[in-house]
Amino acid sequence: MKKTELVNMNAAALAYMGDAVYEQAVRERILEMGIRRADRLQRTAARWYVSATAQAQVCEEIFGDLDEKEQAMVKRWRNYRPRSLPKNTDPMTYKWATAFEAYIGYLYLGGEKEKLDEVLRRAFGIIEEKMPAAGR
């Protein structure tokens, strides 16, 4: 897609795509870690990688390393007002998580594979640093 289309796309649409891209990357990562039991695969993904809390922490941590244009986009996506909020997380955490997914969607749809891979590596590093050895 063209950059102008992506910049003007709303956060929900970008996050929709980013969620799918991130989920696939997480599944690949967990399999690479040698986890094979279905219950442990799902538990590891949900607890450590795909929770709103984990995604929000990653987004907040990488935010300072983004260029001005990317920071402005992430701020806009973070300030997006969803129609409803989940019951199990606070609104600000959810907004940061949505911004992270939107950023992943933006990079994917924009064909920025190298940047996307770099962001995913960084995200996994941030998450796995907090993960106990038993969770790996």
N, C-alpha and C. Protein backbone atom coordinates (compact mmCIF):
# COMPACT_ATOMS: atom_id res chain seq x y z
N MET A 1 0.83 -1.19 0.00
CA MET A 1 0.00 0.00 0.00
C MET A 1 0.88 1.25 0.00
N LYS A 2 0.32 2.32 -0.48
CA LYS A 2 1.03 3.59 -0.48
C LYS A 2 1.11 4.16 0.92
N LYS A 3 2.21 4.83 1.21
CA LYS A 3 2.42 5.44 2.53
C LYS A 3 1.30 6.41 2.89
N THR A 4 0.84 7.20 1.90
CA THR A 4 -0.21 8.18 2.19
C THR A 4 -1.50 7.48 2.62
N GLU A 5 -1.80 6.34 2.03
CA GLU A 5 -2.98 5.58 2.44
C GLU A 5 -2.81 5.08 3.87
N LEU A 6 -1.63 4.58 4.18
CA LEU A 6 -1.38 4.02 5.50
C LEU A 6 -1.39 5.09 6.58
N VAL A 7 -0.82 6.24 6.29
CA VAL A 7 -0.76 7.32 7.28
C VAL A 7 -2.18 7.78 7.61
N ASN A 8 -3.07 7.76 6.63
CA ASN A 8 -4.44 8.22 6.84
C ASN A 8 -5.40 7.12 7.31
N MET A 9 -4.94 5.87 7.35
CA MET A 9 -5.78 4.76 7.79
C MET A 9 -5.98 4.86 9.30
N ASN A 10 -7.18 4.50 9.75
CA ASN A 10 -7.42 4.62 11.20
C ASN A 10 -6.71 3.52 11.97
N ALA A 11 -6.53 3.78 13.25
CA ALA A 11 -5.77 2.89 14.13
C ALA A 11 -6.37 1.50 14.19
N ALA A 12 -7.69 1.42 14.22
CA ALA A 12 -8.34 0.11 14.34
C ALA A 12 -8.02 -0.78 13.14
N ALA A 13 -8.03 -0.22 11.95
CA ALA A 13 -7.74 -1.01 10.75
C ALA A 13 -6.28 -1.48 10.75
N LEU A 14 -5.37 -0.58 11.09
CA LEU A 14 -3.95 -0.97 11.14
C LEU A 14 -3.70 -1.98 12.26
N ALA A 15 -4.34 -1.78 13.40
CA ALA A 15 -4.18 -2.71 14.52
C ALA A 15 -4.74 -4.08 14.18
N TYR A 16 -5.80 -4.12 13.40
CA TYR A 16 -6.40 -5.38 12.96
C TYR A 16 -5.36 -6.21 12.21
N MET A 17 -4.66 -5.57 11.28
CA MET A 17 -3.63 -6.27 10.53
C MET A 17 -2.42 -6.55 11.41
N GLY A 18 -2.02 -5.58 12.21
CA GLY A 18 -0.87 -5.75 13.08
C GLY A 18 -1.04 -6.88 14.07
N ASP A 19 -2.26 -7.06 14.57
CA ASP A 19 -2.55 -8.14 15.49
C ASP A 19 -2.26 -9.50 14.84
N ALA A 20 -2.69 -9.66 13.60
CA ALA A 20 -2.47 -10.93 12.89
C ALA A 20 -0.99 -11.17 12.61
N VAL A 21 -0.30 -10.14 12.19
CA VAL A 21 1.14 -10.25 11.89
C VAL A 21 1.91 -10.58 13.16
N TYR A 22 1.59 -9.88 14.24
CA TYR A 22 2.28 -10.10 15.51
C TYR A 22 1.99 -11.50 16.06
N GLU A 23 0.74 -11.92 15.96
CA GLU A 23 0.36 -13.25 16.44
C GLU A 23 1.15 -14.34 15.72
N GLN A 24 1.29 -14.21 14.41
CA GLN A 24 2.06 -15.21 13.66
C GLN A 24 3.53 -15.20 14.09
N ALA A 25 4.09 -14.01 14.24
CA ALA A 25 5.49 -13.91 14.67
C ALA A 25 5.68 -14.52 16.05
N VAL A 26 4.75 -14.29 16.94
CA VAL A 26 4.83 -14.85 18.30
C VAL A 26 4.76 -16.37 18.24
N ARG A 27 3.86 -16.90 17.45
CA ARG A 27 3.74 -18.36 17.33
C ARG A 27 5.03 -18.98 16.80
N GLU A 28 5.62 -18.33 15.80
CA GLU A 28 6.90 -18.83 15.28
C GLU A 28 7.97 -18.77 16.36
N ARG A 29 8.01 -17.68 17.10
CA ARG A 29 9.01 -17.50 18.15
C ARG A 29 8.90 -18.57 19.23
N ILE A 30 7.68 -18.85 19.65
CA ILE A 30 7.46 -19.85 20.69
C ILE A 30 7.86 -21.24 20.21
N LEU A 31 7.55 -21.55 18.96
CA LEU A 31 7.97 -22.85 18.42
C LEU A 31 9.49 -22.93 18.33
N GLU A 32 10.14 -21.83 17.96
CA GLU A 32 11.61 -21.80 17.90
C GLU A 32 12.21 -22.04 19.28
N MET A 33 11.49 -21.67 20.33
CA MET A 33 11.97 -21.86 21.70
C MET A 33 11.89 -23.34 22.11
N GLY A 34 11.27 -24.16 21.29
CA GLY A 34 11.19 -25.58 21.58
C GLY A 34 9.95 -25.99 22.36
N ILE A 35 9.04 -25.08 22.55
CA ILE A 35 7.80 -25.42 23.24
C ILE A 35 6.88 -26.12 22.24
N ARG A 36 6.37 -27.29 22.61
CA ARG A 36 5.57 -28.06 21.66
C ARG A 36 4.18 -28.45 22.18
N ARG A 37 3.99 -28.48 23.49
CA ARG A 37 2.68 -28.87 24.02
C ARG A 37 1.68 -27.74 23.80
N ALA A 38 0.51 -28.10 23.28
CA ALA A 38 -0.50 -27.10 22.92
C ALA A 38 -0.89 -26.19 24.07
N ASP A 39 -1.09 -26.77 25.26
CA ASP A 39 -1.49 -25.93 26.39
C ASP A 39 -0.40 -24.94 26.77
N ARG A 40 0.84 -25.36 26.69
CA ARG A 40 1.96 -24.48 27.04
C ARG A 40 2.20 -23.43 25.96
N LEU A 41 1.97 -23.80 24.70
CA LEU A 41 2.10 -22.84 23.61
C LEU A 41 1.15 -21.66 23.83
N GLN A 42 -0.10 -21.96 24.07
CA GLN A 42 -1.12 -20.93 24.25
C GLN A 42 -0.87 -20.12 25.51
N ARG A 43 -0.52 -20.78 26.59
CA ARG A 43 -0.28 -20.10 27.87
C ARG A 43 0.91 -19.14 27.75
N THR A 44 1.97 -19.58 27.10
CA THR A 44 3.15 -18.74 26.93
C THR A 44 2.82 -17.52 26.08
N ALA A 45 2.13 -17.74 24.98
CA ALA A 45 1.77 -16.63 24.09
C ALA A 45 0.89 -15.62 24.81
N ALA A 46 -0.15 -16.10 25.45
CA ALA A 46 -1.11 -15.21 26.10
C ALA A 46 -0.51 -14.47 27.28
N ARG A 47 0.29 -15.16 28.07
CA ARG A 47 0.82 -14.53 29.29
C ARG A 47 1.94 -13.55 28.99
N TRP A 48 2.83 -13.91 28.09
CA TRP A 48 4.04 -13.11 27.92
C TRP A 48 4.07 -12.22 26.70
N TYR A 49 3.45 -12.61 25.60
CA TYR A 49 3.64 -11.88 24.35
C TYR A 49 2.44 -11.07 23.88
N VAL A 50 1.25 -11.63 23.92
CA VAL A 50 0.12 -10.97 23.27
C VAL A 50 -0.82 -10.25 24.23
N SER A 51 -0.49 -10.18 25.49
CA SER A 51 -1.33 -9.43 26.42
C SER A 51 -1.20 -7.93 26.13
N ALA A 52 -2.25 -7.21 26.44
CA ALA A 52 -2.20 -5.75 26.25
C ALA A 52 -1.07 -5.15 27.07
N THR A 53 -0.84 -5.68 28.25
CA THR A 53 0.22 -5.17 29.13
C THR A 53 1.59 -5.33 28.47
N ALA A 54 1.86 -6.50 27.92
CA ALA A 54 3.16 -6.75 27.27
C ALA A 54 3.33 -5.84 26.05
N GLN A 55 2.30 -5.74 25.24
CA GLN A 55 2.39 -4.91 24.04
C GLN A 55 2.56 -3.44 24.41
N ALA A 56 1.86 -2.99 25.43
CA ALA A 56 1.99 -1.60 25.87
C ALA A 56 3.40 -1.31 26.37
N GLN A 57 3.96 -2.23 27.15
CA GLN A 57 5.32 -2.04 27.66
C GLN A 57 6.33 -1.96 26.51
N VAL A 58 6.16 -2.81 25.51
CA VAL A 58 7.06 -2.78 24.35
C VAL A 58 6.93 -1.45 23.64
N CYS A 59 5.71 -1.02 23.39
CA CYS A 59 5.49 0.23 22.65
C CYS A 59 6.09 1.42 23.40
N GLU A 60 5.88 1.47 24.70
CA GLU A 60 6.43 2.57 25.49
C GLU A 60 7.96 2.55 25.48
N GLU A 61 8.53 1.36 25.50
CA GLU A 61 9.98 1.24 25.54
C GLU A 61 10.63 1.60 24.20
N ILE A 62 10.02 1.23 23.10
CA ILE A 62 10.63 1.53 21.79
C ILE A 62 10.29 2.93 21.30
N PHE A 63 9.30 3.57 21.90
CA PHE A 63 8.81 4.87 21.45
C PHE A 63 9.93 5.89 21.29
N GLY A 64 10.81 5.98 22.26
CA GLY A 64 11.89 6.97 22.22
C GLY A 64 12.89 6.74 21.10
N ASP A 65 12.94 5.53 20.57
CA ASP A 65 13.88 5.21 19.49
C ASP A 65 13.29 5.44 18.10
N LEU A 66 12.01 5.78 18.04
CA LEU A 66 11.37 6.04 16.75
C LEU A 66 11.71 7.44 16.27
N ASP A 67 11.68 7.63 14.96
CA ASP A 67 11.92 8.98 14.45
C ASP A 67 10.67 9.84 14.71
N GLU A 68 10.78 11.14 14.48
CA GLU A 68 9.69 12.07 14.80
C GLU A 68 8.40 11.71 14.10
N LYS A 69 8.49 11.32 12.84
CA LYS A 69 7.30 10.97 12.06
C LYS A 69 6.62 9.74 12.66
N GLU A 70 7.42 8.74 13.00
CA GLU A 70 6.86 7.53 13.60
C GLU A 70 6.27 7.82 14.98
N GLN A 71 6.93 8.65 15.76
CA GLN A 71 6.39 9.02 17.07
C GLN A 71 5.04 9.72 16.93
N ALA A 72 4.94 10.60 15.95
CA ALA A 72 3.67 11.31 15.73
C ALA A 72 2.56 10.33 15.36
N MET A 73 2.88 9.36 14.52
CA MET A 73 1.87 8.36 14.14
C MET A 73 1.46 7.51 15.34
N VAL A 74 2.44 7.07 16.11
CA VAL A 74 2.14 6.24 17.28
C VAL A 74 1.29 7.03 18.28
N LYS A 75 1.59 8.29 18.48
CA LYS A 75 0.78 9.12 19.37
C LYS A 75 -0.66 9.21 18.87
N ARG A 76 -0.81 9.38 17.56
CA ARG A 76 -2.16 9.46 16.98
C ARG A 76 -2.90 8.15 17.18
N TRP A 77 -2.22 7.03 16.94
CA TRP A 77 -2.85 5.72 17.12
C TRP A 77 -3.16 5.48 18.60
N ARG A 78 -2.28 5.91 19.46
CA ARG A 78 -2.50 5.74 20.90
C ARG A 78 -3.71 6.54 21.36
N ASN A 79 -3.95 7.67 20.74
CA ASN A 79 -5.06 8.54 21.14
C ASN A 79 -6.38 8.17 20.47
N TYR A 80 -6.35 7.14 19.63
CA TYR A 80 -7.57 6.66 18.99
C TYR A 80 -8.58 6.25 20.06
N ARG A 81 -9.82 6.60 19.86
CA ARG A 81 -10.87 6.28 20.84
C ARG A 81 -11.65 5.05 20.38
N PRO A 82 -11.37 3.91 20.99
CA PRO A 82 -12.11 2.70 20.60
C PRO A 82 -13.56 2.77 21.05
N ARG A 83 -14.41 2.01 20.39
CA ARG A 83 -15.84 2.01 20.75
C ARG A 83 -16.07 1.35 22.10
N SER A 84 -15.22 0.40 22.44
CA SER A 84 -15.34 -0.25 23.74
C SER A 84 -13.96 -0.62 24.25
N LEU A 85 -13.84 -0.78 25.54
CA LEU A 85 -12.58 -1.15 26.17
C LEU A 85 -12.75 -2.50 26.85
N PRO A 86 -11.69 -3.31 26.87
CA PRO A 86 -11.79 -4.59 27.58
C PRO A 86 -11.90 -4.36 29.08
N LYS A 87 -12.49 -5.33 29.76
CA LYS A 87 -12.70 -5.21 31.21
C LYS A 87 -11.43 -5.48 32.01
N ASN A 88 -10.50 -6.24 31.43
CA ASN A 88 -9.35 -6.71 32.21
C ASN A 88 -8.10 -5.84 32.09
N THR A 89 -8.20 -4.67 31.51
CA THR A 89 -7.02 -3.80 31.41
C THR A 89 -7.46 -2.34 31.46
N ASP A 90 -6.56 -1.50 31.93
CA ASP A 90 -6.92 -0.08 32.02
C ASP A 90 -6.86 0.58 30.64
N PRO A 91 -7.59 1.66 30.44
CA PRO A 91 -7.67 2.30 29.12
C PRO A 91 -6.33 2.73 28.53
N MET A 92 -5.43 3.25 29.34
CA MET A 92 -4.15 3.72 28.79
C MET A 92 -3.30 2.54 28.31
N THR A 93 -3.30 1.45 29.04
CA THR A 93 -2.56 0.25 28.62
C THR A 93 -3.12 -0.24 27.29
N TYR A 94 -4.43 -0.28 27.20
CA TYR A 94 -5.08 -0.73 25.97
C TYR A 94 -4.72 0.18 24.80
N LYS A 95 -4.66 1.48 25.04
CA LYS A 95 -4.33 2.42 23.97
C LYS A 95 -2.89 2.24 23.48
N TRP A 96 -1.95 2.03 24.42
CA TRP A 96 -0.56 1.78 24.02
C TRP A 96 -0.46 0.47 23.24
N ALA A 97 -1.20 -0.55 23.67
CA ALA A 97 -1.19 -1.84 22.97
C ALA A 97 -1.76 -1.69 21.56
N THR A 98 -2.82 -0.92 21.42
CA THR A 98 -3.41 -0.67 20.10
C THR A 98 -2.42 0.07 19.21
N ALA A 99 -1.72 1.03 19.78
CA ALA A 99 -0.71 1.78 19.01
C ALA A 99 0.40 0.84 18.53
N PHE A 100 0.81 -0.10 19.39
CA PHE A 100 1.84 -1.06 19.00
C PHE A 100 1.35 -1.93 17.84
N GLU A 101 0.14 -2.45 17.94
CA GLU A 101 -0.40 -3.28 16.87
C GLU A 101 -0.57 -2.47 15.58
N ALA A 102 -0.99 -1.21 15.71
CA ALA A 102 -1.13 -0.35 14.53
C ALA A 102 0.22 -0.12 13.87
N TYR A 103 1.25 0.07 14.67
CA TYR A 103 2.61 0.26 14.14
C TYR A 103 3.08 -0.98 13.40
N ILE A 104 2.82 -2.15 13.96
CA ILE A 104 3.17 -3.40 13.30
C ILE A 104 2.41 -3.51 11.97
N GLY A 105 1.13 -3.19 11.99
CA GLY A 105 0.32 -3.21 10.77
C GLY A 105 0.82 -2.23 9.73
N TYR A 106 1.20 -1.05 10.18
CA TYR A 106 1.75 -0.02 9.28
C TYR A 106 3.02 -0.51 8.60
N LEU A 107 3.93 -1.08 9.38
CA LEU A 107 5.18 -1.57 8.81
C LEU A 107 4.92 -2.72 7.83
N TYR A 108 4.04 -3.62 8.19
CA TYR A 108 3.74 -4.77 7.34
C TYR A 108 3.10 -4.33 6.02
N LEU A 109 2.04 -3.53 6.11
CA LEU A 109 1.34 -3.10 4.90
C LEU A 109 2.19 -2.17 4.05
N GLY A 110 3.13 -1.48 4.67
CA GLY A 110 4.03 -0.59 3.95
C GLY A 110 5.21 -1.31 3.31
N GLY A 111 5.30 -2.62 3.54
CA GLY A 111 6.37 -3.41 2.94
C GLY A 111 7.73 -3.17 3.59
N GLU A 112 7.74 -2.68 4.81
CA GLU A 112 9.00 -2.39 5.51
C GLU A 112 9.45 -3.62 6.31
N LYS A 113 9.80 -4.68 5.60
CA LYS A 113 10.13 -5.96 6.21
C LYS A 113 11.32 -5.86 7.16
N GLU A 114 12.39 -5.19 6.76
CA GLU A 114 13.56 -5.09 7.62
C GLU A 114 13.23 -4.36 8.93
N LYS A 115 12.52 -3.26 8.82
CA LYS A 115 12.13 -2.50 10.02
C LYS A 115 11.18 -3.32 10.88
N LEU A 116 10.24 -4.02 10.24
CA LEU A 116 9.31 -4.87 10.98
C LEU A 116 10.07 -5.96 11.74
N ASP A 117 10.99 -6.62 11.07
CA ASP A 117 11.79 -7.66 11.72
C ASP A 117 12.59 -7.10 12.89
N GLU A 118 13.13 -5.90 12.72
CA GLU A 118 13.89 -5.25 13.79
C GLU A 118 13.00 -4.95 14.99
N VAL A 119 11.80 -4.44 14.74
CA VAL A 119 10.87 -4.12 15.82
C VAL A 119 10.43 -5.40 16.53
N LEU A 120 10.16 -6.45 15.78
CA LEU A 120 9.76 -7.72 16.40
C LEU A 120 10.89 -8.31 17.24
N ARG A 121 12.11 -8.26 16.74
CA ARG A 121 13.26 -8.75 17.52
C ARG A 121 13.38 -7.96 18.82
N ARG A 122 13.25 -6.68 18.71
CA ARG A 122 13.33 -5.82 19.89
C ARG A 122 12.21 -6.13 20.87
N ALA A 123 11.00 -6.29 20.35
CA ALA A 123 9.85 -6.60 21.20
C ALA A 123 10.07 -7.92 21.94
N PHE A 124 10.53 -8.92 21.23
CA PHE A 124 10.77 -10.22 21.86
C PHE A 124 11.87 -10.11 22.91
N GLY A 125 12.88 -9.33 22.63
CA GLY A 125 13.95 -9.13 23.61
C GLY A 125 13.44 -8.47 24.88
N ILE A 126 12.60 -7.46 24.74
CA ILE A 126 12.04 -6.76 25.89
C ILE A 126 11.18 -7.71 26.72
N ILE A 127 10.35 -8.48 26.04
CA ILE A 127 9.45 -9.41 26.73
C ILE A 127 10.23 -10.53 27.40
N GLU A 128 11.17 -11.11 26.68
CA GLU A 128 11.89 -12.27 27.20
C GLU A 128 12.85 -11.90 28.33
N GLU A 129 13.25 -10.65 28.38
CA GLU A 129 14.08 -10.18 29.49
C GLU A 129 13.32 -10.25 30.81
N LYS A 130 12.00 -10.06 30.73
CA LYS A 130 11.16 -10.10 31.93
C LYS A 130 10.65 -11.50 32.25
N MET A 131 10.82 -12.40 31.31
CA MET A 131 10.30 -13.76 31.42
C MET A 131 11.20 -14.64 32.28
N PRO A 132 10.64 -15.40 33.21
CA PRO A 132 11.50 -16.32 33.98
C PRO A 132 12.02 -17.44 33.06
N ALA A 133 13.15 -18.00 33.42
CA ALA A 133 13.75 -19.06 32.60
C ALA A 133 12.79 -20.21 32.40
N ALA A 134 11.96 -20.51 33.37
CA ALA A 134 11.00 -21.61 33.26
C ALA A 134 9.96 -21.36 32.19
N GLY A 135 9.71 -20.09 31.88
CA GLY A 135 8.71 -19.75 30.86
C GLY A 135 9.24 -19.88 29.45
N ARG A 136 10.55 -20.03 29.32
CA ARG A 136 11.16 -20.08 27.99
C ARG A 136 11.23 -21.44 27.43
